[in-house]
Protein backbone atom coordinates (compact mmCIF):
# COMPACT_ATOMS: atom_id res chain seq x y z
CA LEU A 1 -30.97 29.25 52.14
CA ILE A 2 -29.71 26.03 50.63
CA GLY A 3 -26.36 25.29 48.99
CA LYS A 4 -24.75 28.74 48.95
CA VAL A 5 -21.01 28.93 48.24
CA GLU A 6 -19.39 31.41 50.60
CA LYS A 7 -15.88 32.80 50.51
CA GLU A 8 -13.93 33.78 53.64
CA VAL A 9 -10.54 35.47 53.90
CA LEU A 10 -8.55 34.42 56.96
CA LYS A 11 -6.26 36.73 58.97
CA ASP A 12 -3.20 35.41 57.09
CA GLY A 13 -4.85 36.36 53.80
CA GLN A 14 -5.63 32.80 52.76
CA GLU A 15 -8.95 32.24 51.02
CA THR A 16 -11.31 29.46 52.08
CA TRP A 17 -14.57 28.31 50.56
CA ALA A 18 -17.56 26.68 52.17
CA LEU A 19 -20.85 25.24 50.96
CA THR A 20 -23.46 26.47 53.44
CA SER A 21 -27.09 25.53 53.98
CA LYS A 22 -29.13 27.55 56.53
CA MET A 23 -32.64 27.19 57.93
CA PRO A 24 -34.57 29.61 60.18
CA LEU A 25 -35.24 28.75 63.83
CA ARG A 26 -38.73 29.72 65.00
CA ASP A 27 -40.39 29.97 68.39
CA LYS A 28 -43.69 28.37 69.26
CA ASP A 29 -45.50 31.29 67.70
CA GLY A 30 -43.67 30.90 64.40
CA ARG A 31 -41.45 33.93 64.84
CA ILE A 32 -37.85 33.66 63.54
CA ILE A 33 -35.51 33.80 66.49
CA GLY A 34 -32.33 32.56 64.80
CA THR A 35 -30.83 30.28 62.18
CA PHE A 36 -29.59 26.75 62.02
CA GLY A 37 -26.96 25.86 59.46
CA ILE A 38 -24.54 23.29 58.11
CA SER A 39 -21.29 24.34 56.49
CA LYS A 40 -18.91 22.12 54.50
CA ASP A 41 -15.36 23.18 53.66
CA ILE A 42 -14.96 22.92 49.86
CA THR A 43 -11.70 24.85 49.59
CA ASP A 44 -9.81 21.91 48.04
CA LEU A 45 -12.63 21.29 45.57
CA LYS A 46 -12.78 24.99 44.65
CA ARG A 47 -9.01 25.12 44.14
CA ALA A 48 -9.18 22.00 41.99
CA ASP A 49 -11.96 23.58 39.94
CA VAL A 50 -9.93 26.77 39.46
CA LEU A 51 -6.89 24.71 38.51
CA LEU A 52 -9.00 22.70 36.04
CA ARG A 53 -10.31 25.88 34.44
CA ARG A 54 -6.82 27.29 34.15
CA THR A 55 -5.63 23.99 32.66
CA GLU A 56 -8.46 24.09 30.14
CA GLU A 57 -7.53 27.65 29.19
CA LEU A 58 -3.89 26.65 28.72
CA TYR A 59 -5.03 23.62 26.73
CA ARG A 60 -7.22 25.76 24.49
CA SER A 61 -4.43 28.27 23.97
CA ALA A 62 -1.94 25.54 23.07
CA ILE A 63 -4.32 23.84 20.66
CA ALA A 64 -5.38 27.12 19.06
CA GLY A 65 -1.99 27.40 17.39
CA ALA A 66 -2.15 23.85 16.10
CA ASP A 67 -4.14 22.39 13.24
CA ALA A 68 -6.84 21.13 15.60
CA VAL A 69 -10.13 22.21 17.14
CA PRO A 70 -10.35 21.88 20.96
CA TYR A 71 -13.57 21.16 22.79
CA SER A 72 -14.92 20.42 26.25
CA SER A 73 -18.16 18.54 26.87
CA ASP A 74 -20.53 17.92 29.76
CA LEU A 75 -21.79 14.36 30.20
CA LYS A 76 -24.82 15.35 32.27
CA THR A 77 -26.26 17.82 29.77
CA LYS A 78 -24.75 16.01 26.76
CA SER A 79 -23.67 19.36 25.38
CA TYR A 80 -20.46 21.21 24.66
CA VAL A 81 -19.15 23.53 27.34
CA PHE A 82 -16.67 24.84 24.81
CA MET A 83 -16.13 24.33 21.08
CA GLY A 84 -13.23 25.97 19.21
CA GLU A 85 -13.98 28.49 16.48
CA GLY A 86 -12.05 26.34 14.00
CA ILE A 87 -14.97 23.91 13.88
CA GLN A 88 -16.67 26.13 11.30
CA GLN A 89 -13.76 25.78 8.90
CA LEU A 90 -13.58 22.06 9.64
CA ILE A 91 -17.22 21.03 9.14
CA GLY A 92 -18.98 24.21 8.01
CA TYR A 93 -21.08 24.66 11.17
CA ALA A 94 -20.62 27.34 13.85
CA PRO A 95 -19.69 26.27 17.41
CA HIS A 96 -23.20 26.94 18.75
CA GLU A 97 -24.70 24.63 16.09
CA VAL A 98 -22.61 21.59 17.07
CA ASN A 99 -24.42 19.01 19.18
CA ASP A 100 -25.15 15.27 19.23
CA ALA A 101 -28.01 15.62 16.77
CA LEU A 102 -25.74 17.32 14.25
CA TRP A 103 -23.09 14.61 14.54
CA GLN A 104 -25.77 11.95 14.00
CA LYS A 105 -26.79 13.79 10.85
CA ILE A 106 -23.39 14.32 9.25
CA ILE A 107 -21.39 11.21 10.25
CA GLN A 108 -21.25 8.65 7.44
CA LYS A 109 -18.89 6.18 9.09
CA SER A 110 -17.07 5.82 12.42
CA VAL A 111 -13.94 3.78 13.12
CA MET A 112 -13.21 3.29 16.82
CA LEU A 113 -9.54 3.13 17.81
CA GLY A 114 -7.38 2.63 20.90
CA GLU A 115 -9.31 1.55 24.00
CA THR A 116 -12.57 1.69 22.04
CA ALA A 117 -11.33 -0.40 19.08
CA GLY A 118 -13.82 -3.08 18.05
CA LEU A 119 -16.80 -1.37 19.69
CA ASP A 120 -19.60 0.35 17.87
CA LYS A 121 -19.83 4.09 18.51
CA ASP A 122 -22.88 3.93 20.81
CA GLU A 123 -21.38 1.19 23.01
CA ALA A 124 -18.09 3.10 23.22
CA ALA A 125 -19.95 6.26 24.27
CA ARG A 126 -21.84 4.32 26.95
CA ARG A 127 -18.61 2.93 28.41
CA VAL A 128 -16.99 6.35 28.42
CA ALA A 129 -20.02 7.85 30.22
CA SER A 130 -19.81 5.09 32.86
CA GLY A 131 -16.09 5.68 33.36
CA ASP A 132 -15.05 2.22 32.12
CA ILE A 133 -13.02 3.86 29.33
CA ARG A 134 -10.93 6.95 29.97
CA HIS A 135 -9.62 7.71 26.49
CA TRP A 136 -11.78 8.09 23.37
CA ARG A 137 -10.34 7.81 19.86
CA CYS A 138 -12.49 7.77 16.76
CA ASP A 139 -11.95 8.51 13.07
CA MET A 140 -15.16 9.83 11.48
CA CYS A 141 -16.09 10.23 7.83
CA ILE A 142 -18.48 13.18 7.69
CA THR A 143 -20.38 15.31 5.20
CA THR A 144 -19.62 19.00 5.61
CA ARG A 145 -22.23 21.71 5.29
CA ASP A 146 -21.26 22.30 1.64
CA GLY A 147 -21.60 18.57 0.82
CA LYS A 148 -17.94 17.58 0.83
CA THR A 149 -16.69 14.35 2.35
CA ARG A 150 -14.04 14.78 5.04
CA TRP A 151 -12.31 12.54 7.56
CA ILE A 152 -11.96 13.87 11.13
CA ALA A 153 -10.00 12.38 14.04
CA ASP A 154 -11.68 12.80 17.45
CA ALA A 155 -9.49 12.20 20.52
CA SER A 156 -10.53 13.02 24.09
CA VAL A 157 -9.84 12.22 27.73
CA LEU A 158 -12.44 11.85 30.48
CA LYS A 159 -12.85 14.58 33.14
CA LEU A 160 -13.63 13.40 36.67
CA ASP A 161 -15.09 15.17 39.72
CA GLU A 162 -13.55 15.11 43.21
CA SER A 163 -15.14 11.72 43.89
CA GLY A 164 -13.73 10.20 40.69
CA GLN A 165 -17.02 10.22 38.82
CA PRO A 166 -17.00 11.16 35.10
CA ILE A 167 -18.43 14.62 34.43
CA GLY A 168 -17.26 15.38 30.92
CA SER A 169 -14.38 15.24 28.49
CA MET A 170 -11.70 17.38 26.89
CA GLY A 171 -10.65 16.65 23.35
CA ILE A 172 -9.53 17.80 19.94
CA LEU A 173 -10.85 17.37 16.41
CA GLN A 174 -8.41 17.21 13.48
CA ASP A 175 -8.80 17.06 9.71
CA ILE A 176 -7.12 13.81 8.57
CA THR A 177 -8.64 13.67 5.07
CA GLU A 178 -5.28 13.83 3.27
CA ARG A 179 -3.81 11.17 5.53
CA LYS A 180 -6.80 8.87 4.98
CA LEU A 181 -6.65 9.32 1.20
CA ALA A 182 -2.92 8.59 1.30
CA ASP A 183 -3.57 5.49 3.43
CA GLU A 184 -6.27 4.27 1.04
CA SER A 185 -3.99 4.84 -1.94
CA ALA A 186 -1.15 3.00 -0.18
CA ASN A 187 -3.49 0.12 0.70
CA ARG A 188 -4.69 -0.17 -2.90
CA LEU A 189 -1.10 -0.16 -4.13
CA ALA A 190 -0.13 -2.77 -1.54
CA ALA A 191 -3.02 -4.99 -2.68
CA ILE A 192 -1.99 -4.61 -6.33
CA ILE A 193 1.59 -5.54 -5.46
CA GLU A 194 0.62 -8.46 -3.25
CA TYR A 195 -1.80 -10.03 -5.72
CA SER A 196 0.16 -9.31 -8.88
CA ASP A 197 1.14 -12.29 -11.04
CA GLU A 198 4.59 -10.75 -11.44
CA ALA A 199 7.32 -10.74 -8.82
CA ILE A 200 7.73 -7.26 -7.34
CA ILE A 201 10.87 -6.71 -5.26
CA SER A 202 12.44 -3.62 -3.76
CA GLU A 203 16.05 -3.23 -2.65
CA THR A 204 18.38 -0.63 -1.20
CA LEU A 205 21.27 0.88 -3.15
CA ASN A 206 23.43 -1.68 -1.36
CA GLY A 207 21.39 -4.46 -2.93
CA ILE A 208 19.55 -5.54 0.26
CA ILE A 209 16.01 -6.84 -0.34
CA THR A 210 13.38 -4.80 1.55
CA SER A 211 10.08 -6.10 0.15
CA TRP A 212 8.89 -9.33 -1.45
CA ASN A 213 5.39 -10.14 -2.73
CA SER A 214 3.66 -13.51 -3.01
CA ALA A 215 4.44 -13.83 -6.73
CA ALA A 216 8.15 -13.45 -5.92
CA GLU A 217 7.81 -16.23 -3.34
CA LYS A 218 6.16 -18.47 -5.93
CA MET A 219 8.73 -17.61 -8.63
CA PHE A 220 11.92 -17.94 -6.59
CA GLY A 221 10.86 -20.30 -3.77
CA TYR A 222 11.87 -18.07 -0.84
CA THR A 223 9.39 -16.91 1.82
CA PRO A 224 9.50 -13.23 2.87
CA SER A 225 11.03 -14.16 6.24
CA GLU A 226 13.82 -16.03 4.46
CA ILE A 227 14.71 -13.39 1.89
CA ILE A 228 13.97 -9.91 3.26
CA GLY A 229 17.20 -8.46 4.59
CA GLN A 230 19.30 -10.69 2.34
CA PRO A 231 21.40 -9.41 -0.60
CA LEU A 232 19.75 -9.66 -4.00
CA GLN A 233 22.84 -11.54 -5.21
CA VAL A 234 21.34 -14.77 -3.84
CA LEU A 235 18.96 -14.61 -6.82
CA VAL A 236 21.69 -13.91 -9.38
CA PRO A 237 23.85 -16.61 -11.04
CA PRO A 238 27.59 -16.10 -10.42
CA ASP A 239 28.25 -15.21 -14.06
CA TYR A 240 25.67 -12.38 -13.89
CA LEU A 241 26.78 -10.72 -10.63
CA HIS A 242 28.60 -7.94 -12.47
CA GLU A 243 25.33 -6.98 -14.15
CA GLU A 244 23.52 -6.27 -10.85
CA ALA A 245 26.45 -4.29 -9.44
CA GLU A 246 26.58 -2.10 -12.55
CA ILE A 247 22.83 -1.40 -12.42
CA LEU A 248 22.88 -0.30 -8.76
CA ALA A 249 25.99 1.82 -9.29
CA GLY A 250 24.23 3.51 -12.22
CA PHE A 251 21.16 4.16 -10.05
CA ALA A 252 23.32 5.90 -7.46
CA ARG A 253 24.61 8.17 -10.26
CA GLY A 254 21.10 8.80 -11.57
CA GLU A 255 21.54 6.53 -14.60
CA PHE A 256 18.59 4.22 -15.13
CA VAL A 257 18.23 0.92 -16.97
CA ARG A 258 14.46 0.70 -17.40
CA HIS A 259 14.13 -2.75 -18.94
CA PHE A 260 16.37 -5.70 -19.71
CA GLU A 261 16.31 -9.48 -20.04
CA THR A 262 18.61 -11.65 -17.99
CA VAL A 263 18.89 -14.89 -16.03
CA ARG A 264 18.05 -15.50 -12.40
CA ILE A 265 18.26 -18.51 -10.10
CA ARG A 266 15.62 -20.16 -7.92
CA LYS A 267 16.07 -21.45 -4.36
CA ASN A 268 16.49 -24.98 -5.76
CA GLY A 269 19.37 -23.80 -7.99
CA GLN A 270 17.40 -23.82 -11.25
CA ARG A 271 18.33 -21.04 -13.66
CA PHE A 272 15.56 -19.37 -15.66
CA ASP A 273 15.07 -16.47 -18.04
CA VAL A 274 13.45 -13.27 -16.78
CA SER A 275 12.37 -9.88 -18.09
CA THR A 276 13.04 -7.10 -15.55
CA THR A 277 11.62 -3.58 -15.33
CA ILE A 278 13.31 -1.25 -12.85
CA SER A 279 12.07 1.98 -11.23
CA PRO A 280 13.93 4.21 -8.75
CA LEU A 281 12.70 4.47 -5.16
CA LYS A 282 12.92 7.97 -3.68
CA ASP A 283 12.52 9.38 -0.18
CA SER A 284 10.40 12.43 0.73
CA ASP A 285 13.21 14.74 -0.40
CA GLY A 286 13.42 13.13 -3.84
CA LYS A 287 16.70 11.37 -3.08
CA ILE A 288 17.12 7.93 -4.67
CA ILE A 289 17.33 5.34 -1.90
CA GLY A 290 16.82 2.10 -3.80
CA ALA A 291 15.13 0.33 -6.67
CA SER A 292 11.84 -1.43 -7.33
CA LYS A 293 11.87 -4.35 -9.76
CA ILE A 294 9.06 -6.07 -11.61
CA ILE A 295 10.28 -9.50 -12.72
CA ARG A 296 8.51 -11.74 -15.24
CA ASP A 297 9.40 -15.37 -15.85
CA ILE A 298 9.90 -15.60 -19.64
CA THR A 299 11.11 -19.23 -19.73
CA GLU A 300 8.09 -20.35 -21.77
CA ARG A 301 8.41 -17.38 -24.12
CA LYS A 302 12.08 -18.18 -24.68
CA ARG A 303 11.20 -21.83 -25.38
CA LEU A 304 8.57 -20.84 -27.93
CA GLU A 305 10.97 -18.36 -29.51
CA ALA A 306 13.56 -21.14 -29.85
CA GLN A 307 10.97 -23.43 -31.44
CA LEU A 308 9.92 -20.70 -33.82
CA PHE A 309 13.54 -20.00 -34.75
CA GLN A 310 14.16 -23.68 -35.40
CA SER A 311 11.01 -23.91 -37.49
CA GLN A 312 11.97 -20.83 -39.49
CA LYS A 313 15.47 -22.21 -39.95
CA MET A 314 14.13 -25.53 -41.25
CA GLU A 315 11.76 -23.67 -43.55
CA THR A 316 14.67 -21.67 -44.94
CA VAL A 317 16.75 -24.82 -45.42
CA GLY A 318 13.81 -26.46 -47.17
CA LYS A 319 13.40 -23.54 -49.55
CA LEU A 320 17.11 -23.49 -50.24
CA ALA A 321 17.15 -27.23 -50.86
CA GLY A 322 14.13 -26.92 -53.13
CA GLY A 323 15.82 -24.18 -55.15
CA ILE A 324 19.03 -26.17 -55.52
CA ALA A 325 17.09 -29.33 -56.41
CA HIS A 326 15.17 -27.47 -59.10
CA GLU A 327 18.40 -26.23 -60.69
CA PHE A 328 20.05 -29.63 -60.30
CA ASN A 329 17.04 -31.36 -61.87
CA SER A 330 17.42 -29.20 -64.98
CA ILE A 331 21.06 -30.26 -65.25
CA LEU A 332 20.17 -33.96 -64.78
CA THR A 333 17.47 -33.75 -67.43
CA ALA A 334 20.06 -32.48 -69.88
CA ILE A 335 22.51 -35.26 -68.90
CA ILE A 336 19.87 -37.97 -69.33
CA GLY A 337 18.79 -36.53 -72.64
CA GLN A 338 22.34 -36.30 -73.96
CA SER A 339 23.20 -39.85 -72.79
CA GLU A 340 20.13 -41.22 -74.60
CA LEU A 341 21.10 -39.35 -77.77
CA LEU A 342 24.63 -40.75 -77.45
CA LEU A 343 23.28 -44.30 -77.13
CA GLY A 344 21.23 -43.76 -80.28
CA ASP A 345 24.25 -42.55 -82.24
CA LEU A 346 26.63 -45.36 -81.18
CA PRO A 347 26.84 -48.42 -83.45
CA ALA A 348 25.69 -51.72 -82.06
CA GLY A 349 28.33 -53.42 -79.98
CA SER A 350 30.29 -50.21 -79.38
CA PRO A 351 32.30 -50.36 -76.10
CA LEU A 352 31.07 -46.80 -75.33
CA ALA A 353 27.47 -47.95 -75.22
CA LYS A 354 27.98 -49.51 -71.79
CA ASN A 355 29.43 -46.24 -70.45
CA ALA A 356 26.58 -44.21 -71.85
CA THR A 357 24.08 -46.58 -70.26
CA GLU A 358 25.75 -46.21 -66.82
CA ILE A 359 25.68 -42.43 -67.19
CA SER A 360 21.97 -42.53 -67.96
CA LYS A 361 21.23 -44.85 -64.96
CA ALA A 362 23.22 -42.67 -62.53
CA ALA A 363 21.47 -39.55 -63.79
CA GLY A 364 18.12 -41.27 -63.33
CA ARG A 365 18.92 -42.11 -59.71
CA ALA A 366 20.02 -38.52 -59.11
CA ALA A 367 16.79 -37.30 -60.70
CA THR A 368 14.80 -39.45 -58.26
CA LEU A 369 16.65 -37.87 -55.28
CA THR A 370 16.10 -34.42 -56.76
CA ARG A 371 12.35 -35.02 -57.02
CA GLN A 372 12.35 -36.01 -53.31
CA LEU A 373 14.14 -32.75 -52.44
CA LEU A 374 11.63 -30.82 -54.53
CA ALA A 375 8.80 -32.50 -52.64
CA TYR A 376 10.47 -31.53 -49.27
CA GLY A 377 10.97 -27.95 -50.37
């Protein structure tokens, strides 16, 4: 008899456990005349095993009420000692179907975290099996039985025997698909904000800057470390401070100014024209907690608008001058014509002839100027 676990109850009622191995003793004729045995007290080990099983039961009961699937695995057999029923809802496979081969089949991508961060999944598993790593954390993108893509978080802790050797693990599996999608969406939005050509700034209702992208740094000259935590007023010229205060006060009351043009000031003191679009920032309860601003430098647009206005103004003046010159030229033509008729009617040597001649010369000079105005118009 080899390796039999035997239980003994002492006089005081205490239970003890022993691992016993017995061999028959024979005489010279081969007849059994007794037994020879070795017994090892394993009471502490047995109690630890009972305690571990009770702990596992408590652990399973606690996890059962949570949005997670508990499991327990055996490193020697590379199989699951226990797998929660919730696994079927999570991945579409029943507990008895879940094994290493299945995971190899359905895992699309693994991201190791915590102590295993930076390792590939196989190397992390090897280190866990050797006891080098006690805690396993891994986010897995998997394909469920019905073909859907789902993200699952796997977190476990190593189980050790009485000699400190790894024998298995206890862990939980959780559906983190919504969290992953939210993270991906947030990362995409962060990338859009960071690489936007327009300054994107957020502030509290008290006017304190809370975010600052690279375009804002380029536009205003402040680095994020210099400006975050500072009041937005540092970007506003003194004669425009009332404008910012009114906008934030309106936000607190639920009154929004979506778009306006104004003037801001750079770190070097230079004033410049901007176009600003404002959106409210809300917390998870829908309460307005601040504002997000998209700011565009419109200095060049304003310069071109001024040039266009000046050009249009000069064009209008030219047309007006041309119209006046045309009318004035008609009057001068009549004056010249009448002065020439007068000269023809005056007798030779008349003192009025000189006056008529001067009138004709002056009208001629005026006609020349009028033709120049007509050419300009």
